[in-house]
Amino acid sequence: MKRKVMMLGALVLWGIWGCAKPPTQELEAAKAAIQAARNAEAQVYAPDELKDAENALSDAEAKVQAKKYNEARTLALKAKELADRAREAAAKNKEKTRTDAEATLNAAADALSEVQKALEAAEGTFSKVKKVLPGKEAKAFQGEVDSLKSLVEGIYGDLEAGRSAFNQGAYKDALDKARCVVDKAETLKEEILALKDRIVKARPLPWYERLKRKRLEELRKQKGA
């Protein structure tokens, strides 16, 4: 009986002693898991999950400072679990972002091709019309055409930057750049088409067209009288 009491007392003391030690092993495992998540670019592709893991680790370290080792151990285990989830989520999200970036870069290239065609059409129209436009008006249109050409060249540069980011494995950056190119291309195409329409409308009518309109106007006045 005495021996059993002694053994029970030893177990209690061992439990108290064990609980009185900081959970060093669990903390180190959590730190290693968080670093593995960072190496998997969780800060880019799973930032919320990584932040949860980092917060849990920070809370665990605070409990250690307060000598609440049981709570610290629980939080350290939680931090490791969250970090593992962050690493897995990062890998999954990175692959999805890679696929999205590749598709969007292709869409951006197609959009730029349409912009280039619209620009060439506008330039062709202006080339035909500028000879019959007043000098000041022709100069103004030429300035607009040159400005749009410069913008198109700039967007081609943005597309190349997106492709470069993709080739370097920076898929989120590549996706952001590709989306920006698509948006810019759509806006620029509308501006080019609007310019072409204004150039066409600015063209002086041939003498026979002017005569025809004059006669139509006279007929309207006669009917109105």
C-alpha atoms as a PDB file:
ATOM      1  CA  MET A   1       0.000   0.000   0.000  1.00  0.00           C
ATOM      2  CA  LYS A   2       2.773   2.360   0.969  1.00  0.00           C
ATOM      3  CA  ARG A   3       4.564   1.526  -2.262  1.00  0.00           C
ATOM      4  CA  LYS A   4       1.446   2.343  -4.305  1.00  0.00           C
ATOM      5  CA  VAL A   5       1.084   5.672  -2.548  1.00  0.00           C
ATOM      6  CA  MET A   6       4.712   6.470  -3.267  1.00  0.00           C
ATOM      7  CA  MET A   7       4.310   5.539  -6.924  1.00  0.00           C
ATOM      8  CA  LEU A   8       1.161   7.645  -7.190  1.00  0.00           C
ATOM      9  CA  GLY A   9       2.938  10.551  -5.585  1.00  0.00           C
ATOM     10  CA  ALA A  10       5.831  10.172  -8.006  1.00  0.00           C
ATOM     11  CA  LEU A  11       3.453  10.185 -10.950  1.00  0.00           C
ATOM     12  CA  VAL A  12       1.754  13.330  -9.671  1.00  0.00           C
ATOM     13  CA  LEU A  13       5.109  15.024  -9.177  1.00  0.00           C
ATOM     14  CA  TRP A  14       6.226  13.923 -12.659  1.00  0.00           C
ATOM     15  CA  GLY A  15       3.013  15.316 -14.116  1.00  0.00           C
ATOM     16  CA  ILE A  16       3.469  18.610 -12.324  1.00  0.00           C
ATOM     17  CA  TRP A  17       7.126  18.762 -13.345  1.00  0.00           C
ATOM     18  CA  GLY A  18       6.264  17.869 -16.937  1.00  0.00           C
ATOM     19  CA  CYS A  19       3.569  20.504 -17.147  1.00  0.00           C
ATOM     20  CA  ALA A  20       5.929  23.042 -15.668  1.00  0.00           C
ATOM     21  CA  LYS A  21       8.247  22.825 -18.663  1.00  0.00           C
ATOM     22  CA  PRO A  22       7.816  25.084 -21.700  1.00  0.00           C
ATOM     23  CA  PRO A  23       6.612  23.141 -24.781  1.00  0.00           C
ATOM     24  CA  THR A  24       9.887  23.731 -26.606  1.00  0.00           C
ATOM     25  CA  GLN A  25       9.481  20.832 -29.023  1.00  0.00           C
ATOM     26  CA  GLU A  26       5.966  21.874 -30.027  1.00  0.00           C
ATOM     27  CA  LEU A  27       7.025  25.491 -30.483  1.00  0.00           C
ATOM     28  CA  GLU A  28       9.950  24.517 -32.689  1.00  0.00           C
ATOM     29  CA  ALA A  29       7.701  22.265 -34.767  1.00  0.00           C
ATOM     30  CA  ALA A  30       5.243  25.129 -35.224  1.00  0.00           C
ATOM     31  CA  LYS A  31       8.028  27.510 -36.265  1.00  0.00           C
ATOM     32  CA  ALA A  32       9.355  24.976 -38.761  1.00  0.00           C
ATOM     33  CA  ALA A  33       5.868  24.462 -40.211  1.00  0.00           C
ATOM     34  CA  ILE A  34       5.370  28.209 -40.579  1.00  0.00           C
ATOM     35  CA  GLN A  35       8.718  28.545 -42.334  1.00  0.00           C
ATOM     36  CA  ALA A  36       7.744  25.706 -44.670  1.00  0.00           C
ATOM     37  CA  ALA A  37       4.520  27.562 -45.461  1.00  0.00           C
ATOM     38  CA  ARG A  38       6.494  30.718 -46.215  1.00  0.00           C
ATOM     39  CA  ASN A  39       8.821  28.740 -48.451  1.00  0.00           C
ATOM     40  CA  ALA A  40       5.704  27.620 -50.329  1.00  0.00           C
ATOM     41  CA  GLU A  41       4.812  31.328 -50.765  1.00  0.00           C
ATOM     42  CA  ALA A  42       1.837  31.189 -48.439  1.00  0.00           C
ATOM     43  CA  GLN A  43       2.315  34.913 -47.833  1.00  0.00           C
ATOM     44  CA  VAL A  44       1.317  35.372 -51.489  1.00  0.00           C
ATOM     45  CA  TYR A  45      -1.125  32.540 -52.178  1.00  0.00           C
ATOM     46  CA  ALA A  46      -2.616  31.832 -48.726  1.00  0.00           C
ATOM     47  CA  PRO A  47      -1.985  34.983 -46.670  1.00  0.00           C
ATOM     48  CA  ASP A  48      -4.998  34.620 -44.371  1.00  0.00           C
ATOM     49  CA  GLU A  49      -4.168  31.030 -43.477  1.00  0.00           C
ATOM     50  CA  LEU A  50      -0.538  31.941 -42.812  1.00  0.00           C
ATOM     51  CA  LYS A  51      -1.568  34.877 -40.640  1.00  0.00           C
ATOM     52  CA  ASP A  52      -3.760  32.594 -38.529  1.00  0.00           C
ATOM     53  CA  ALA A  53      -0.807  30.268 -37.957  1.00  0.00           C
ATOM     54  CA  GLU A  54       1.508  33.141 -37.061  1.00  0.00           C
ATOM     55  CA  ASN A  55      -1.052  34.553 -34.632  1.00  0.00           C
ATOM     56  CA  ALA A  56      -1.444  31.174 -32.942  1.00  0.00           C
ATOM     57  CA  LEU A  57       2.334  30.903 -32.545  1.00  0.00           C
ATOM     58  CA  SER A  58       2.514  34.417 -31.145  1.00  0.00           C
ATOM     59  CA  ASP A  59      -0.215  33.550 -28.644  1.00  0.00           C
ATOM     60  CA  ALA A  60       1.663  30.380 -27.680  1.00  0.00           C
ATOM     61  CA  GLU A  61       4.837  32.342 -27.022  1.00  0.00           C
ATOM     62  CA  ALA A  62       2.863  34.810 -24.912  1.00  0.00           C
ATOM     63  CA  LYS A  63       1.531  31.926 -22.814  1.00  0.00           C
ATOM     64  CA  VAL A  64       5.088  30.687 -22.311  1.00  0.00           C
ATOM     65  CA  GLN A  65       6.053  34.106 -20.996  1.00  0.00           C
ATOM     66  CA  ALA A  66       3.103  33.882 -18.617  1.00  0.00           C
ATOM     67  CA  LYS A  67       4.275  30.366 -17.621  1.00  0.00           C
ATOM     68  CA  LYS A  68       0.963  28.875 -18.772  1.00  0.00           C
ATOM     69  CA  TYR A  69       2.658  25.941 -20.428  1.00  0.00           C
ATOM     70  CA  ASN A  70      -0.381  23.726 -21.001  1.00  0.00           C
ATOM     71  CA  GLU A  71      -2.133  26.501 -22.899  1.00  0.00           C
ATOM     72  CA  ALA A  72       1.095  27.276 -24.725  1.00  0.00           C
ATOM     73  CA  ARG A  73       1.417  23.664 -25.851  1.00  0.00           C
ATOM     74  CA  THR A  74      -2.175  23.609 -27.148  1.00  0.00           C
ATOM     75  CA  LEU A  75      -1.615  26.819 -29.092  1.00  0.00           C
ATOM     76  CA  ALA A  76       1.698  25.597 -30.494  1.00  0.00           C
ATOM     77  CA  LEU A  77       0.034  22.443 -31.797  1.00  0.00           C
ATOM     78  CA  LYS A  78      -2.714  24.589 -33.298  1.00  0.00           C
ATOM     79  CA  ALA A  79      -0.123  26.849 -34.932  1.00  0.00           C
ATOM     80  CA  LYS A  80       1.561  23.866 -36.580  1.00  0.00           C
ATOM     81  CA  GLU A  81      -1.751  22.518 -37.842  1.00  0.00           C
ATOM     82  CA  LEU A  82      -2.694  25.913 -39.273  1.00  0.00           C
ATOM     83  CA  ALA A  83       0.729  26.300 -40.866  1.00  0.00           C
ATOM     84  CA  ASP A  84       0.404  22.912 -42.548  1.00  0.00           C
ATOM     85  CA  ARG A  85      -2.974  23.977 -43.917  1.00  0.00           C
ATOM     86  CA  ALA A  86      -1.479  27.244 -45.138  1.00  0.00           C
ATOM     87  CA  ARG A  87       1.272  25.385 -46.978  1.00  0.00           C
ATOM     88  CA  GLU A  88      -1.233  23.069 -48.656  1.00  0.00           C
ATOM     89  CA  ALA A  89      -3.544  25.962 -49.561  1.00  0.00           C
ATOM     90  CA  ALA A  90      -0.618  27.917 -51.000  1.00  0.00           C
ATOM     91  CA  ALA A  91       0.354  25.060 -53.290  1.00  0.00           C
ATOM     92  CA  LYS A  92      -3.234  24.656 -54.501  1.00  0.00           C
ATOM     93  CA  ASN A  93      -3.827  28.376 -54.973  1.00  0.00           C
ATOM     94  CA  LYS A  94      -0.501  28.882 -56.708  1.00  0.00           C
ATOM     95  CA  GLU A  95      -1.356  26.268 -59.322  1.00  0.00           C
ATOM     96  CA  LYS A  96      -4.769  27.842 -59.911  1.00  0.00           C
ATOM     97  CA  THR A  97      -3.163  31.272 -60.214  1.00  0.00           C
ATOM     98  CA  ARG A  98      -0.658  29.880 -62.709  1.00  0.00           C
ATOM     99  CA  THR A  99      -3.487  28.544 -64.867  1.00  0.00           C
ATOM    100  CA  ASP A 100      -5.445  31.796 -64.605  1.00  0.00           C
ATOM    101  CA  ALA A 101      -2.365  33.874 -65.401  1.00  0.00           C
ATOM    102  CA  GLU A 102      -1.572  31.829 -68.498  1.00  0.00           C
ATOM    103  CA  ALA A 103      -5.139  32.152 -69.806  1.00  0.00           C
ATOM    104  CA  THR A 104      -5.314  35.870 -69.048  1.00  0.00           C
ATOM    105  CA  LEU A 105      -1.973  36.544 -70.727  1.00  0.00           C
ATOM    106  CA  ASN A 106      -3.320  34.867 -73.864  1.00  0.00           C
ATOM    107  CA  ALA A 107      -6.500  36.951 -73.630  1.00  0.00           C
ATOM    108  CA  ALA A 108      -4.380  40.077 -73.196  1.00  0.00           C
ATOM    109  CA  ALA A 109      -2.383  39.239 -76.319  1.00  0.00           C
ATOM    110  CA  ASP A 110      -5.617  38.760 -78.297  1.00  0.00           C
ATOM    111  CA  ALA A 111      -7.006  42.047 -76.983  1.00  0.00           C
ATOM    112  CA  LEU A 112      -3.831  43.870 -77.996  1.00  0.00           C
ATOM    113  CA  SER A 113      -4.023  42.340 -81.456  1.00  0.00           C
ATOM    114  CA  GLU A 114      -7.508  43.826 -81.832  1.00  0.00           C
ATOM    115  CA  VAL A 115      -6.217  47.197 -80.643  1.00  0.00           C
ATOM    116  CA  GLN A 116      -3.411  47.064 -83.200  1.00  0.00           C
ATOM    117  CA  LYS A 117      -5.884  46.346 -86.003  1.00  0.00           C
ATOM    118  CA  ALA A 118      -8.093  49.236 -84.897  1.00  0.00           C
ATOM    119  CA  LEU A 119      -5.090  51.554 -84.769  1.00  0.00           C
ATOM    120  CA  GLU A 120      -3.949  50.565 -88.253  1.00  0.00           C
ATOM    121  CA  ALA A 121      -7.472  51.166 -89.578  1.00  0.00           C
ATOM    122  CA  ALA A 122      -7.577  54.605 -87.951  1.00  0.00           C
ATOM    123  CA  GLU A 123      -4.158  55.465 -89.378  1.00  0.00           C
ATOM    124  CA  GLY A 124      -5.279  54.344 -92.834  1.00  0.00           C
ATOM    125  CA  THR A 125      -8.398  56.480 -92.652  1.00  0.00           C
ATOM    126  CA  PHE A 126      -6.430  59.493 -91.478  1.00  0.00           C
ATOM    127  CA  SER A 127      -3.867  59.007 -94.240  1.00  0.00           C
ATOM    128  CA  LYS A 128      -6.653  59.257 -96.836  1.00  0.00           C
ATOM    129  CA  VAL A 129      -8.434  62.189 -95.224  1.00  0.00           C
ATOM    130  CA  LYS A 130      -5.621  64.424 -93.979  1.00  0.00           C
ATOM    131  CA  LYS A 131      -4.880  65.781 -97.475  1.00  0.00           C
ATOM    132  CA  VAL A 132      -8.286  67.435 -97.655  1.00  0.00           C
ATOM    133  CA  LEU A 133      -8.417  68.613 -94.038  1.00  0.00           C
ATOM    134  CA  PRO A 134      -7.462  72.122 -92.947  1.00  0.00           C
ATOM    135  CA  GLY A 135      -3.853  72.197 -91.754  1.00  0.00           C
ATOM    136  CA  LYS A 136      -4.689  72.927 -88.119  1.00  0.00           C
ATOM    137  CA  GLU A 137      -7.262  70.138 -87.935  1.00  0.00           C
ATOM    138  CA  ALA A 138      -4.951  67.650 -89.660  1.00  0.00           C
ATOM    139  CA  LYS A 139      -2.183  68.490 -87.197  1.00  0.00           C
ATOM    140  CA  ALA A 140      -4.521  67.948 -84.244  1.00  0.00           C
ATOM    141  CA  PHE A 141      -5.609  64.540 -85.552  1.00  0.00           C
ATOM    142  CA  GLN A 142      -1.977  63.588 -86.191  1.00  0.00           C
ATOM    143  CA  GLY A 143      -1.182  64.389 -82.567  1.00  0.00           C
ATOM    144  CA  GLU A 144      -3.992  62.145 -81.368  1.00  0.00           C
ATOM    145  CA  VAL A 145      -2.885  59.292 -83.620  1.00  0.00           C
ATOM    146  CA  ASP A 146       0.709  59.576 -82.390  1.00  0.00           C
ATOM    147  CA  SER A 147      -0.434  59.669 -78.776  1.00  0.00           C
ATOM    148  CA  LEU A 148      -2.513  56.520 -79.211  1.00  0.00           C
ATOM    149  CA  LYS A 149       0.382  54.754 -80.934  1.00  0.00           C
ATOM    150  CA  SER A 150       2.565  55.572 -77.936  1.00  0.00           C
ATOM    151  CA  LEU A 151      -0.049  54.180 -75.555  1.00  0.00           C
ATOM    152  CA  VAL A 152      -0.306  50.965 -77.563  1.00  0.00           C
ATOM    153  CA  GLU A 153       3.466  50.532 -77.414  1.00  0.00           C
ATOM    154  CA  GLY A 154       3.316  51.034 -73.658  1.00  0.00           C
ATOM    155  CA  ILE A 155       0.703  48.322 -73.262  1.00  0.00           C
ATOM    156  CA  TYR A 156       2.851  45.932 -75.284  1.00  0.00           C
ATOM    157  CA  GLY A 157       5.555  46.643 -72.713  1.00  0.00           C
ATOM    158  CA  ASP A 158       3.117  45.792 -69.918  1.00  0.00           C
ATOM    159  CA  LEU A 159       2.291  42.505 -71.637  1.00  0.00           C
ATOM    160  CA  GLU A 160       5.968  41.601 -71.888  1.00  0.00           C
ATOM    161  CA  ALA A 161       6.402  42.424 -68.191  1.00  0.00           C
ATOM    162  CA  GLY A 162       3.538  40.046 -67.406  1.00  0.00           C
ATOM    163  CA  ARG A 163       5.088  37.286 -69.490  1.00  0.00           C
ATOM    164  CA  SER A 164       8.440  37.833 -67.793  1.00  0.00           C
ATOM    165  CA  ALA A 165       6.821  37.567 -64.354  1.00  0.00           C
ATOM    166  CA  PHE A 166       5.090  34.352 -65.428  1.00  0.00           C
ATOM    167  CA  ASN A 167       8.338  32.827 -66.673  1.00  0.00           C
ATOM    168  CA  GLN A 168       9.952  33.652 -63.330  1.00  0.00           C
ATOM    169  CA  GLY A 169       7.169  31.879 -61.443  1.00  0.00           C
ATOM    170  CA  ALA A 170       5.617  35.085 -60.082  1.00  0.00           C
ATOM    171  CA  TYR A 171       2.150  33.984 -61.139  1.00  0.00           C
ATOM    172  CA  LYS A 172       0.120  36.413 -59.038  1.00  0.00           C
ATOM    173  CA  ASP A 173       2.117  39.353 -60.358  1.00  0.00           C
ATOM    174  CA  ALA A 174       1.731  38.002 -63.895  1.00  0.00           C
ATOM    175  CA  LEU A 175      -2.030  37.646 -63.434  1.00  0.00           C
ATOM    176  CA  ASP A 176      -2.365  41.194 -62.109  1.00  0.00           C
ATOM    177  CA  LYS A 177      -0.373  42.586 -65.036  1.00  0.00           C
ATOM    178  CA  ALA A 178      -2.347  40.563 -67.583  1.00  0.00           C
ATOM    179  CA  ARG A 179      -5.669  41.788 -66.191  1.00  0.00           C
ATOM    180  CA  CYS A 180      -4.391  45.352 -66.338  1.00  0.00           C
ATOM    181  CA  VAL A 181      -3.426  44.889 -69.999  1.00  0.00           C
ATOM    182  CA  VAL A 182      -6.891  43.558 -70.854  1.00  0.00           C
ATOM    183  CA  ASP A 183      -8.567  46.532 -69.167  1.00  0.00           C
ATOM    184  CA  LYS A 184      -6.267  49.050 -70.850  1.00  0.00           C
ATOM    185  CA  ALA A 185      -6.686  47.394 -74.247  1.00  0.00           C
ATOM    186  CA  GLU A 186     -10.481  47.548 -74.059  1.00  0.00           C
ATOM    187  CA  THR A 187     -10.417  51.238 -73.147  1.00  0.00           C
ATOM    188  CA  LEU A 188      -7.831  52.066 -75.791  1.00  0.00           C
ATOM    189  CA  LYS A 189      -9.736  50.262 -78.525  1.00  0.00           C
ATOM    190  CA  GLU A 190     -12.814  52.362 -77.774  1.00  0.00           C
ATOM    191  CA  GLU A 191     -10.734  55.547 -77.960  1.00  0.00           C
ATOM    192  CA  ILE A 192      -9.223  54.520 -81.300  1.00  0.00           C
ATOM    193  CA  LEU A 193     -12.605  53.671 -82.815  1.00  0.00           C
ATOM    194  CA  ALA A 194     -13.982  56.994 -81.597  1.00  0.00           C
ATOM    195  CA  LEU A 195     -11.033  58.826 -83.168  1.00  0.00           C
ATOM    196  CA  LYS A 196     -11.555  57.056 -86.478  1.00  0.00           C
ATOM    197  CA  ASP A 197     -15.219  58.055 -86.440  1.00  0.00           C
ATOM    198  CA  ARG A 198     -14.317  61.698 -85.799  1.00  0.00           C
ATOM    199  CA  ILE A 199     -11.776  61.644 -88.626  1.00  0.00           C
ATOM    200  CA  VAL A 200     -14.393  60.315 -91.043  1.00  0.00           C
ATOM    201  CA  LYS A 201     -16.897  62.953 -89.982  1.00  0.00           C
ATOM    202  CA  ALA A 202     -14.297  65.716 -90.341  1.00  0.00           C
ATOM    203  CA  ARG A 203     -13.677  64.873 -94.004  1.00  0.00           C
ATOM    204  CA  PRO A 204     -15.103  67.551 -96.336  1.00  0.00           C
ATOM    205  CA  LEU A 205     -17.843  66.234 -98.619  1.00  0.00           C
ATOM    206  CA  PRO A 206     -17.228  66.045-102.401  1.00  0.00           C
ATOM    207  CA  TRP A 207     -18.894  68.809-104.442  1.00  0.00           C
ATOM    208  CA  TYR A 208     -21.665  66.510-105.659  1.00  0.00           C
ATOM    209  CA  GLU A 209     -22.505  65.431-102.118  1.00  0.00           C
ATOM    210  CA  ARG A 210     -22.634  69.044-100.998  1.00  0.00           C
ATOM    211  CA  LEU A 211     -24.908  69.868-103.972  1.00  0.00           C
ATOM    212  CA  LYS A 212     -27.161  66.932-103.145  1.00  0.00           C
ATOM    213  CA  ARG A 213     -27.516  68.042 -99.535  1.00  0.00           C
ATOM    214  CA  LYS A 214     -28.196  71.599-100.614  1.00  0.00           C
ATOM    215  CA  ARG A 215     -31.024  70.475-102.902  1.00  0.00           C
ATOM    216  CA  LEU A 216     -32.502  68.294-100.180  1.00  0.00           C
ATOM    217  CA  GLU A 217     -32.416  71.231 -97.790  1.00  0.00           C
ATOM    218  CA  GLU A 218     -34.183  73.439-100.363  1.00  0.00           C
ATOM    219  CA  LEU A 219     -36.882  70.802-100.858  1.00  0.00           C
ATOM    220  CA  ARG A 220     -37.484  70.629 -97.111  1.00  0.00           C
ATOM    221  CA  LYS A 221     -37.879  74.394 -96.960  1.00  0.00           C
ATOM    222  CA  GLN A 222     -40.339  74.362 -99.884  1.00  0.00           C
ATOM    223  CA  LYS A 223     -42.439  71.688 -98.220  1.00  0.00           C
ATOM    224  CA  GLY A 224     -42.347  73.603 -94.985  1.00  0.00           C
ATOM    225  CA  ALA A 225     -43.589  76.738 -96.740  1.00  0.00           C
END
